[in-house]
């Protein structure tokens, strides 16, 4: 059974359905002052997220020591960090329509992306330790074997 805190699974689970909806019907996204430019931007974001979600789904079952999985993880970690920072800067100028509330949509988005960033950062650190251990083991095995000529 997969780990429910697997950041690759969480990214695909939460981001992919939203991205598909935004790609098909970008006008459904509650953006203040919708323009053609904002709708194109929403579609471009959706394309980016769909493009990130597909390798994320493939990486779920890969061993943590695979360089490809670590590359995907680094890309997703960067995406979520930059997304959180961007929405942190938007707290003073809301871009999403919302009912009057103390918790804004921008704040919620920032928190969710920060959580995903932290999960990816934790995964990155723990998988890095696994890669180092595997590298040491492979080096030890390689130095212990002698070529036969």
N, C-alpha and C. Protein backbone atom coordinates (compact mmCIF):
# COMPACT_ATOMS: atom_id res chain seq x y z
N UNK A 1 0.85 -1.19 0.00
CA UNK A 1 0.00 0.00 0.00
C UNK A 1 0.89 1.25 0.00
N UNK A 2 0.61 2.21 -0.90
CA UNK A 2 1.45 3.39 -0.97
C UNK A 2 1.31 4.28 0.27
N UNK A 3 2.38 4.99 0.57
CA UNK A 3 2.41 5.92 1.69
C UNK A 3 1.51 7.12 1.36
N UNK A 4 0.58 7.46 2.25
CA UNK A 4 -0.35 8.57 1.99
C UNK A 4 0.36 9.92 2.02
N UNK A 5 1.54 9.99 2.62
CA UNK A 5 2.30 11.24 2.63
C UNK A 5 3.35 11.28 1.52
N UNK A 6 3.25 10.37 0.55
CA UNK A 6 4.15 10.38 -0.59
C UNK A 6 3.90 11.68 -1.36
N UNK A 7 4.89 12.59 -1.42
CA UNK A 7 4.63 13.88 -2.07
C UNK A 7 4.32 13.76 -3.55
N UNK A 8 4.85 12.74 -4.22
CA UNK A 8 4.54 12.55 -5.63
C UNK A 8 3.06 12.22 -5.82
N UNK A 9 2.54 11.36 -4.96
CA UNK A 9 1.13 10.99 -5.03
C UNK A 9 0.24 12.19 -4.67
N UNK A 10 0.61 12.91 -3.62
CA UNK A 10 -0.19 14.06 -3.21
C UNK A 10 -0.22 15.13 -4.30
N UNK A 11 0.91 15.36 -4.93
CA UNK A 11 0.95 16.35 -6.01
C UNK A 11 -0.02 15.95 -7.12
N UNK A 12 0.09 14.71 -7.58
CA UNK A 12 -0.78 14.24 -8.67
C UNK A 12 -2.25 14.22 -8.24
N UNK A 13 -2.50 13.78 -7.03
CA UNK A 13 -3.87 13.65 -6.54
C UNK A 13 -4.59 14.99 -6.44
N UNK A 14 -3.89 16.01 -5.96
CA UNK A 14 -4.54 17.30 -5.74
C UNK A 14 -4.42 18.24 -6.93
N UNK A 15 -3.30 18.21 -7.61
CA UNK A 15 -3.07 19.19 -8.67
C UNK A 15 -3.63 18.77 -10.03
N UNK A 16 -3.52 17.49 -10.37
CA UNK A 16 -3.93 17.05 -11.70
C UNK A 16 -5.42 17.28 -11.99
N UNK A 17 -6.34 16.91 -11.11
CA UNK A 17 -7.75 17.16 -11.43
C UNK A 17 -8.06 18.65 -11.62
N UNK A 18 -7.48 19.49 -10.77
CA UNK A 18 -7.69 20.93 -10.89
C UNK A 18 -7.11 21.45 -12.20
N UNK A 19 -5.93 20.97 -12.56
CA UNK A 19 -5.30 21.41 -13.80
C UNK A 19 -6.12 20.99 -15.03
N UNK A 20 -6.66 19.79 -15.00
CA UNK A 20 -7.49 19.34 -16.13
C UNK A 20 -8.73 20.21 -16.27
N UNK A 21 -9.36 20.53 -15.15
CA UNK A 21 -10.54 21.41 -15.19
C UNK A 21 -10.16 22.78 -15.73
N UNK A 22 -9.05 23.33 -15.24
CA UNK A 22 -8.61 24.65 -15.69
C UNK A 22 -8.21 24.66 -17.16
N UNK A 23 -7.69 23.56 -17.64
CA UNK A 23 -7.32 23.49 -19.05
C UNK A 23 -8.56 23.46 -19.93
N UNK A 24 -9.57 22.70 -19.50
CA UNK A 24 -10.79 22.55 -20.30
C UNK A 24 -11.69 23.79 -20.20
N UNK A 25 -11.86 24.31 -18.97
CA UNK A 25 -12.74 25.46 -18.76
C UNK A 25 -12.05 26.49 -17.86
N UNK A 26 -11.10 27.24 -18.40
CA UNK A 26 -10.36 28.20 -17.56
C UNK A 26 -11.26 29.30 -16.99
N UNK A 27 -12.38 29.56 -17.63
CA UNK A 27 -13.28 30.62 -17.13
C UNK A 27 -13.95 30.24 -15.82
N UNK A 28 -13.90 28.96 -15.44
CA UNK A 28 -14.48 28.54 -14.15
C UNK A 28 -13.62 28.97 -12.97
N UNK A 29 -12.35 29.29 -13.21
CA UNK A 29 -11.44 29.68 -12.14
C UNK A 29 -11.86 31.07 -11.63
N UNK A 30 -12.03 31.24 -10.32
CA UNK A 30 -12.57 32.50 -9.79
C UNK A 30 -11.52 33.62 -9.71
N UNK A 31 -11.13 34.14 -10.87
CA UNK A 31 -10.13 35.21 -10.91
C UNK A 31 -10.84 36.55 -11.01
N UNK A 32 -10.37 37.53 -10.22
CA UNK A 32 -10.94 38.87 -10.33
C UNK A 32 -10.50 39.47 -11.66
N UNK A 33 -11.38 40.23 -12.28
CA UNK A 33 -11.09 40.90 -13.55
C UNK A 33 -10.59 39.94 -14.62
N UNK A 34 -11.41 38.96 -14.96
CA UNK A 34 -11.01 37.99 -15.99
C UNK A 34 -10.84 38.69 -17.34
N UNK A 35 -9.73 38.40 -17.97
CA UNK A 35 -9.44 38.90 -19.31
C UNK A 35 -8.97 37.72 -20.15
N UNK A 36 -8.78 37.97 -21.42
CA UNK A 36 -8.24 36.92 -22.29
C UNK A 36 -6.85 36.52 -21.78
N UNK A 37 -6.08 37.51 -21.36
CA UNK A 37 -4.73 37.21 -20.85
C UNK A 37 -4.78 36.34 -19.60
N UNK A 38 -5.72 36.62 -18.70
CA UNK A 38 -5.80 35.80 -17.49
C UNK A 38 -6.24 34.38 -17.82
N UNK A 39 -7.15 34.24 -18.79
CA UNK A 39 -7.59 32.90 -19.18
C UNK A 39 -6.46 32.11 -19.85
N UNK A 40 -5.66 32.79 -20.67
CA UNK A 40 -4.50 32.13 -21.29
C UNK A 40 -3.49 31.76 -20.21
N UNK A 41 -3.29 32.63 -19.23
CA UNK A 41 -2.36 32.33 -18.13
C UNK A 41 -2.82 31.11 -17.34
N UNK A 42 -4.12 31.02 -17.10
CA UNK A 42 -4.67 29.87 -16.37
C UNK A 42 -4.42 28.59 -17.17
N UNK A 43 -4.67 28.66 -18.48
CA UNK A 43 -4.43 27.47 -19.32
C UNK A 43 -2.96 27.09 -19.33
N UNK A 44 -2.08 28.08 -19.36
CA UNK A 44 -0.64 27.79 -19.36
C UNK A 44 -0.22 27.17 -18.03
N UNK A 45 -0.80 27.65 -16.92
CA UNK A 45 -0.52 27.03 -15.62
C UNK A 45 -1.00 25.58 -15.64
N UNK A 46 -2.20 25.36 -16.21
CA UNK A 46 -2.75 24.00 -16.27
C UNK A 46 -1.84 23.08 -17.08
N UNK A 47 -1.33 23.58 -18.20
CA UNK A 47 -0.41 22.78 -19.01
C UNK A 47 0.84 22.43 -18.21
N UNK A 48 1.37 23.39 -17.48
CA UNK A 48 2.56 23.15 -16.65
C UNK A 48 2.28 22.08 -15.61
N UNK A 49 1.15 22.19 -14.93
CA UNK A 49 0.83 21.24 -13.86
C UNK A 49 0.56 19.84 -14.42
N UNK A 50 -0.13 19.77 -15.54
CA UNK A 50 -0.35 18.46 -16.18
C UNK A 50 1.00 17.85 -16.55
N UNK A 51 1.89 18.68 -17.10
CA UNK A 51 3.23 18.19 -17.47
C UNK A 51 4.05 17.76 -16.27
N UNK A 52 3.84 18.36 -15.11
CA UNK A 52 4.53 17.95 -13.89
C UNK A 52 3.87 16.73 -13.25
N UNK A 53 2.57 16.60 -13.41
CA UNK A 53 1.84 15.52 -12.75
C UNK A 53 2.09 14.16 -13.38
N UNK A 54 2.27 14.12 -14.69
CA UNK A 54 2.49 12.83 -15.35
C UNK A 54 3.79 12.17 -14.88
N UNK A 55 4.94 12.86 -14.88
CA UNK A 55 6.13 12.21 -14.33
C UNK A 55 6.01 11.95 -12.83
N UNK A 56 5.25 12.79 -12.14
CA UNK A 56 5.04 12.57 -10.71
C UNK A 56 4.32 11.25 -10.47
N UNK A 57 3.32 10.94 -11.30
CA UNK A 57 2.61 9.67 -11.15
C UNK A 57 3.53 8.49 -11.45
N UNK A 58 4.39 8.64 -12.45
CA UNK A 58 5.33 7.57 -12.77
C UNK A 58 6.35 7.37 -11.65
N UNK A 59 6.70 8.44 -10.95
CA UNK A 59 7.74 8.37 -9.92
C UNK A 59 7.25 7.74 -8.62
N UNK A 60 5.95 7.63 -8.43
CA UNK A 60 5.40 7.13 -7.17
C UNK A 60 6.01 5.78 -6.81
N UNK A 61 6.09 4.88 -7.77
CA UNK A 61 6.55 3.52 -7.46
C UNK A 61 8.05 3.31 -7.72
N UNK A 62 8.75 4.33 -8.19
CA UNK A 62 10.19 4.18 -8.44
C UNK A 62 10.96 4.14 -7.12
N UNK A 63 12.09 3.45 -7.09
CA UNK A 63 12.94 3.51 -5.90
C UNK A 63 13.48 4.93 -5.70
N UNK A 64 13.61 5.34 -4.44
CA UNK A 64 14.06 6.70 -4.13
C UNK A 64 15.47 6.99 -4.63
N UNK A 65 16.25 5.96 -4.88
CA UNK A 65 17.65 6.16 -5.28
C UNK A 65 17.81 6.40 -6.78
N UNK A 66 16.75 6.32 -7.54
CA UNK A 66 16.86 6.53 -8.99
C UNK A 66 17.07 8.01 -9.29
N UNK A 67 18.07 8.33 -10.11
CA UNK A 67 18.33 9.74 -10.43
C UNK A 67 17.13 10.43 -11.07
N UNK A 68 16.38 9.71 -11.89
CA UNK A 68 15.21 10.31 -12.52
C UNK A 68 14.16 10.75 -11.51
N UNK A 69 13.94 9.93 -10.50
CA UNK A 69 12.97 10.28 -9.47
C UNK A 69 13.45 11.49 -8.68
N UNK A 70 14.75 11.54 -8.40
CA UNK A 70 15.28 12.68 -7.65
C UNK A 70 15.19 13.96 -8.49
N UNK A 71 15.37 13.85 -9.80
CA UNK A 71 15.25 15.02 -10.68
C UNK A 71 13.80 15.52 -10.70
N UNK A 72 12.86 14.60 -10.81
CA UNK A 72 11.44 14.97 -10.77
C UNK A 72 11.11 15.62 -9.43
N UNK A 73 11.60 15.02 -8.35
CA UNK A 73 11.36 15.56 -7.01
C UNK A 73 11.92 16.96 -6.84
N UNK A 74 13.12 17.20 -7.37
CA UNK A 74 13.72 18.53 -7.28
C UNK A 74 12.89 19.55 -8.05
N UNK A 75 12.41 19.17 -9.23
CA UNK A 75 11.56 20.06 -10.01
C UNK A 75 10.27 20.39 -9.29
N UNK A 76 9.64 19.38 -8.70
CA UNK A 76 8.38 19.61 -7.98
C UNK A 76 8.62 20.41 -6.70
N UNK A 77 9.73 20.17 -6.03
CA UNK A 77 10.05 20.93 -4.82
C UNK A 77 10.22 22.41 -5.19
N UNK A 78 10.91 22.69 -6.28
CA UNK A 78 11.10 24.06 -6.73
C UNK A 78 9.77 24.70 -7.11
N UNK A 79 8.94 23.97 -7.85
CA UNK A 79 7.62 24.47 -8.25
C UNK A 79 6.80 24.88 -7.04
N UNK A 80 6.70 24.00 -6.05
CA UNK A 80 5.86 24.29 -4.89
C UNK A 80 6.44 25.42 -4.04
N UNK A 81 7.76 25.50 -3.93
CA UNK A 81 8.38 26.60 -3.17
C UNK A 81 8.09 27.94 -3.85
N UNK A 82 8.30 28.01 -5.16
CA UNK A 82 8.07 29.27 -5.87
C UNK A 82 6.59 29.65 -5.90
N UNK A 83 5.73 28.65 -6.00
CA UNK A 83 4.29 28.92 -5.98
C UNK A 83 3.88 29.50 -4.63
N UNK A 84 4.38 28.91 -3.55
CA UNK A 84 4.06 29.40 -2.20
C UNK A 84 4.58 30.83 -2.01
N UNK A 85 5.80 31.09 -2.47
CA UNK A 85 6.37 32.44 -2.34
C UNK A 85 5.54 33.45 -3.12
N UNK A 86 5.14 33.08 -4.33
CA UNK A 86 4.33 33.98 -5.16
C UNK A 86 3.01 34.32 -4.46
N UNK A 87 2.33 33.31 -3.92
CA UNK A 87 1.05 33.58 -3.26
C UNK A 87 1.24 34.28 -1.92
N UNK A 88 2.39 34.13 -1.30
CA UNK A 88 2.68 34.87 -0.07
C UNK A 88 2.76 36.36 -0.40
N UNK A 89 3.33 36.69 -1.54
CA UNK A 89 3.44 38.08 -1.96
C UNK A 89 2.10 38.66 -2.38
N UNK A 90 1.14 37.82 -2.74
CA UNK A 90 -0.17 38.29 -3.21
C UNK A 90 -1.16 38.52 -2.08
N UNK A 91 -0.76 38.28 -0.85
CA UNK A 91 -1.72 38.39 0.25
C UNK A 91 -2.31 39.79 0.35
N UNK A 92 -1.57 40.81 -0.03
CA UNK A 92 -2.07 42.18 0.06
C UNK A 92 -2.92 42.57 -1.14
N UNK A 93 -2.81 41.85 -2.23
CA UNK A 93 -3.57 42.17 -3.44
C UNK A 93 -4.24 40.91 -3.95
N UNK A 94 -5.44 40.60 -3.43
CA UNK A 94 -6.10 39.35 -3.82
C UNK A 94 -6.35 39.26 -5.32
N UNK A 95 -6.13 38.08 -5.86
CA UNK A 95 -6.40 37.85 -7.28
C UNK A 95 -7.55 36.86 -7.48
N UNK A 96 -7.96 36.21 -6.42
CA UNK A 96 -9.05 35.24 -6.51
C UNK A 96 -10.29 35.81 -5.84
N UNK A 97 -11.44 35.64 -6.50
CA UNK A 97 -12.69 36.06 -5.88
C UNK A 97 -13.00 35.14 -4.73
N UNK A 98 -13.50 35.72 -3.64
CA UNK A 98 -13.76 34.90 -2.46
C UNK A 98 -14.77 35.60 -1.57
N UNK A 99 -15.48 34.83 -0.78
CA UNK A 99 -16.36 35.45 0.21
C UNK A 99 -15.50 36.13 1.27
N UNK A 100 -16.07 37.13 1.92
CA UNK A 100 -15.29 37.81 2.96
C UNK A 100 -15.00 36.84 4.09
N UNK A 101 -13.74 36.67 4.36
CA UNK A 101 -13.29 35.72 5.36
C UNK A 101 -11.91 36.14 5.82
N UNK A 102 -11.55 35.71 7.03
CA UNK A 102 -10.21 36.03 7.53
C UNK A 102 -9.16 35.20 6.82
N UNK A 103 -9.53 34.00 6.37
CA UNK A 103 -8.61 33.14 5.65
C UNK A 103 -8.88 33.31 4.16
N UNK A 104 -7.94 33.93 3.46
CA UNK A 104 -8.14 34.18 2.04
C UNK A 104 -7.78 32.95 1.22
N UNK A 105 -8.26 32.95 -0.01
CA UNK A 105 -7.92 31.85 -0.92
C UNK A 105 -6.42 31.83 -1.19
N UNK A 106 -5.82 33.02 -1.32
CA UNK A 106 -4.38 33.09 -1.56
C UNK A 106 -3.60 32.47 -0.40
N UNK A 107 -4.06 32.74 0.84
CA UNK A 107 -3.39 32.18 2.02
C UNK A 107 -3.51 30.66 2.02
N UNK A 108 -4.68 30.15 1.68
CA UNK A 108 -4.90 28.70 1.64
C UNK A 108 -3.99 28.05 0.60
N UNK A 109 -3.92 28.65 -0.59
CA UNK A 109 -3.05 28.13 -1.64
C UNK A 109 -1.60 28.15 -1.18
N UNK A 110 -1.19 29.25 -0.54
CA UNK A 110 0.19 29.36 -0.05
C UNK A 110 0.50 28.26 0.96
N UNK A 111 -0.42 28.02 1.89
CA UNK A 111 -0.20 27.00 2.92
C UNK A 111 -0.11 25.61 2.29
N UNK A 112 -1.01 25.29 1.37
CA UNK A 112 -0.99 23.97 0.73
C UNK A 112 0.31 23.74 -0.05
N UNK A 113 0.75 24.75 -0.78
CA UNK A 113 2.00 24.59 -1.53
C UNK A 113 3.21 24.55 -0.60
N UNK A 114 3.15 25.26 0.51
CA UNK A 114 4.23 25.18 1.50
C UNK A 114 4.32 23.78 2.08
N UNK A 115 3.17 23.19 2.38
CA UNK A 115 3.15 21.82 2.92
C UNK A 115 3.76 20.85 1.90
N UNK A 116 3.34 20.97 0.64
CA UNK A 116 3.91 20.08 -0.39
C UNK A 116 5.41 20.33 -0.56
N UNK A 117 5.83 21.59 -0.50
CA UNK A 117 7.27 21.88 -0.57
C UNK A 117 8.00 21.19 0.57
N UNK A 118 7.47 21.30 1.79
CA UNK A 118 8.13 20.69 2.95
C UNK A 118 8.17 19.16 2.83
N UNK A 119 7.11 18.56 2.30
CA UNK A 119 7.12 17.11 2.08
C UNK A 119 8.19 16.72 1.06
N UNK A 120 8.29 17.49 -0.03
CA UNK A 120 9.32 17.20 -1.02
C UNK A 120 10.72 17.44 -0.46
N UNK A 121 10.90 18.50 0.33
CA UNK A 121 12.21 18.77 0.93
C UNK A 121 12.61 17.65 1.89
N UNK A 122 11.66 17.16 2.67
CA UNK A 122 11.93 16.05 3.58
C UNK A 122 12.29 14.80 2.79
N UNK A 123 11.51 14.52 1.75
CA UNK A 123 11.80 13.37 0.89
C UNK A 123 13.19 13.51 0.28
N UNK A 124 13.53 14.71 -0.20
CA UNK A 124 14.82 14.96 -0.83
C UNK A 124 15.96 14.63 0.13
N UNK A 125 15.82 15.08 1.38
CA UNK A 125 16.87 14.83 2.37
C UNK A 125 16.99 13.34 2.70
N UNK A 126 15.86 12.68 2.91
CA UNK A 126 15.93 11.26 3.27
C UNK A 126 16.39 10.40 2.10
N UNK A 127 15.96 10.73 0.90
CA UNK A 127 16.41 9.94 -0.25
C UNK A 127 17.88 10.21 -0.56
N UNK A 128 18.35 11.41 -0.24
CA UNK A 128 19.77 11.71 -0.43
C UNK A 128 20.65 10.82 0.43
N UNK A 129 20.19 10.57 1.65
CA UNK A 129 20.93 9.66 2.54
C UNK A 129 20.95 8.24 1.96
N UNK A 130 19.84 7.82 1.36
CA UNK A 130 19.78 6.49 0.74
C UNK A 130 20.74 6.41 -0.45
N UNK A 131 20.80 7.48 -1.23
CA UNK A 131 21.70 7.51 -2.40
C UNK A 131 23.15 7.41 -1.94
N UNK A 132 23.51 8.15 -0.89
CA UNK A 132 24.89 8.09 -0.37
C UNK A 132 25.22 6.69 0.12
N UNK A 133 24.30 6.07 0.84
CA UNK A 133 24.54 4.71 1.35
C UNK A 133 24.71 3.73 0.19
N UNK A 134 23.86 3.85 -0.82
CA UNK A 134 23.96 2.97 -1.99
C UNK A 134 25.28 3.20 -2.73
N UNK A 135 25.67 4.46 -2.88
CA UNK A 135 26.94 4.77 -3.56
C UNK A 135 28.12 4.16 -2.82
N UNK A 136 28.12 4.27 -1.50
CA UNK A 136 29.21 3.68 -0.70
C UNK A 136 29.24 2.16 -0.88
N UNK A 137 28.07 1.54 -0.86
CA UNK A 137 27.99 0.08 -1.02
C UNK A 137 28.50 -0.34 -2.39
N UNK A 138 28.09 0.40 -3.42
CA UNK A 138 28.54 0.07 -4.78
C UNK A 138 30.04 0.26 -4.92
N UNK A 139 30.58 1.33 -4.33
CA UNK A 139 32.02 1.57 -4.39
C UNK A 139 32.78 0.47 -3.65
N UNK A 140 32.24 0.05 -2.52
CA UNK A 140 32.86 -1.02 -1.72
C UNK A 140 32.87 -2.32 -2.52
N UNK A 141 31.75 -2.63 -3.15
CA UNK A 141 31.66 -3.86 -3.95
C UNK A 141 32.58 -3.80 -5.17
N UNK A 142 32.69 -2.61 -5.76
CA UNK A 142 33.54 -2.46 -6.94
C UNK A 142 35.02 -2.59 -6.58
N UNK A 143 35.41 -2.07 -5.43
CA UNK A 143 36.82 -2.16 -5.03
C UNK A 143 37.17 -3.55 -4.53
N UNK A 144 36.20 -4.29 -4.05
CA UNK A 144 36.43 -5.64 -3.55
C UNK A 144 36.55 -6.67 -4.65
N UNK A 145 36.03 -6.36 -5.81
CA UNK A 145 36.11 -7.32 -6.91
C UNK A 145 37.30 -6.97 -7.80
N UNK A 146 37.99 -7.97 -8.24
CA UNK A 146 39.15 -7.76 -9.12
C UNK A 146 38.82 -8.31 -10.49
N UNK A 147 39.22 -7.56 -11.50
CA UNK A 147 38.93 -8.05 -12.86
C UNK A 147 39.77 -9.29 -13.16
N UNK A 148 39.19 -10.20 -13.88
CA UNK A 148 39.90 -11.43 -14.25
C UNK A 148 40.32 -11.33 -15.71
N UNK A 149 41.64 -11.30 -15.93
CA UNK A 149 42.17 -11.24 -17.30
C UNK A 149 43.12 -12.35 -17.53
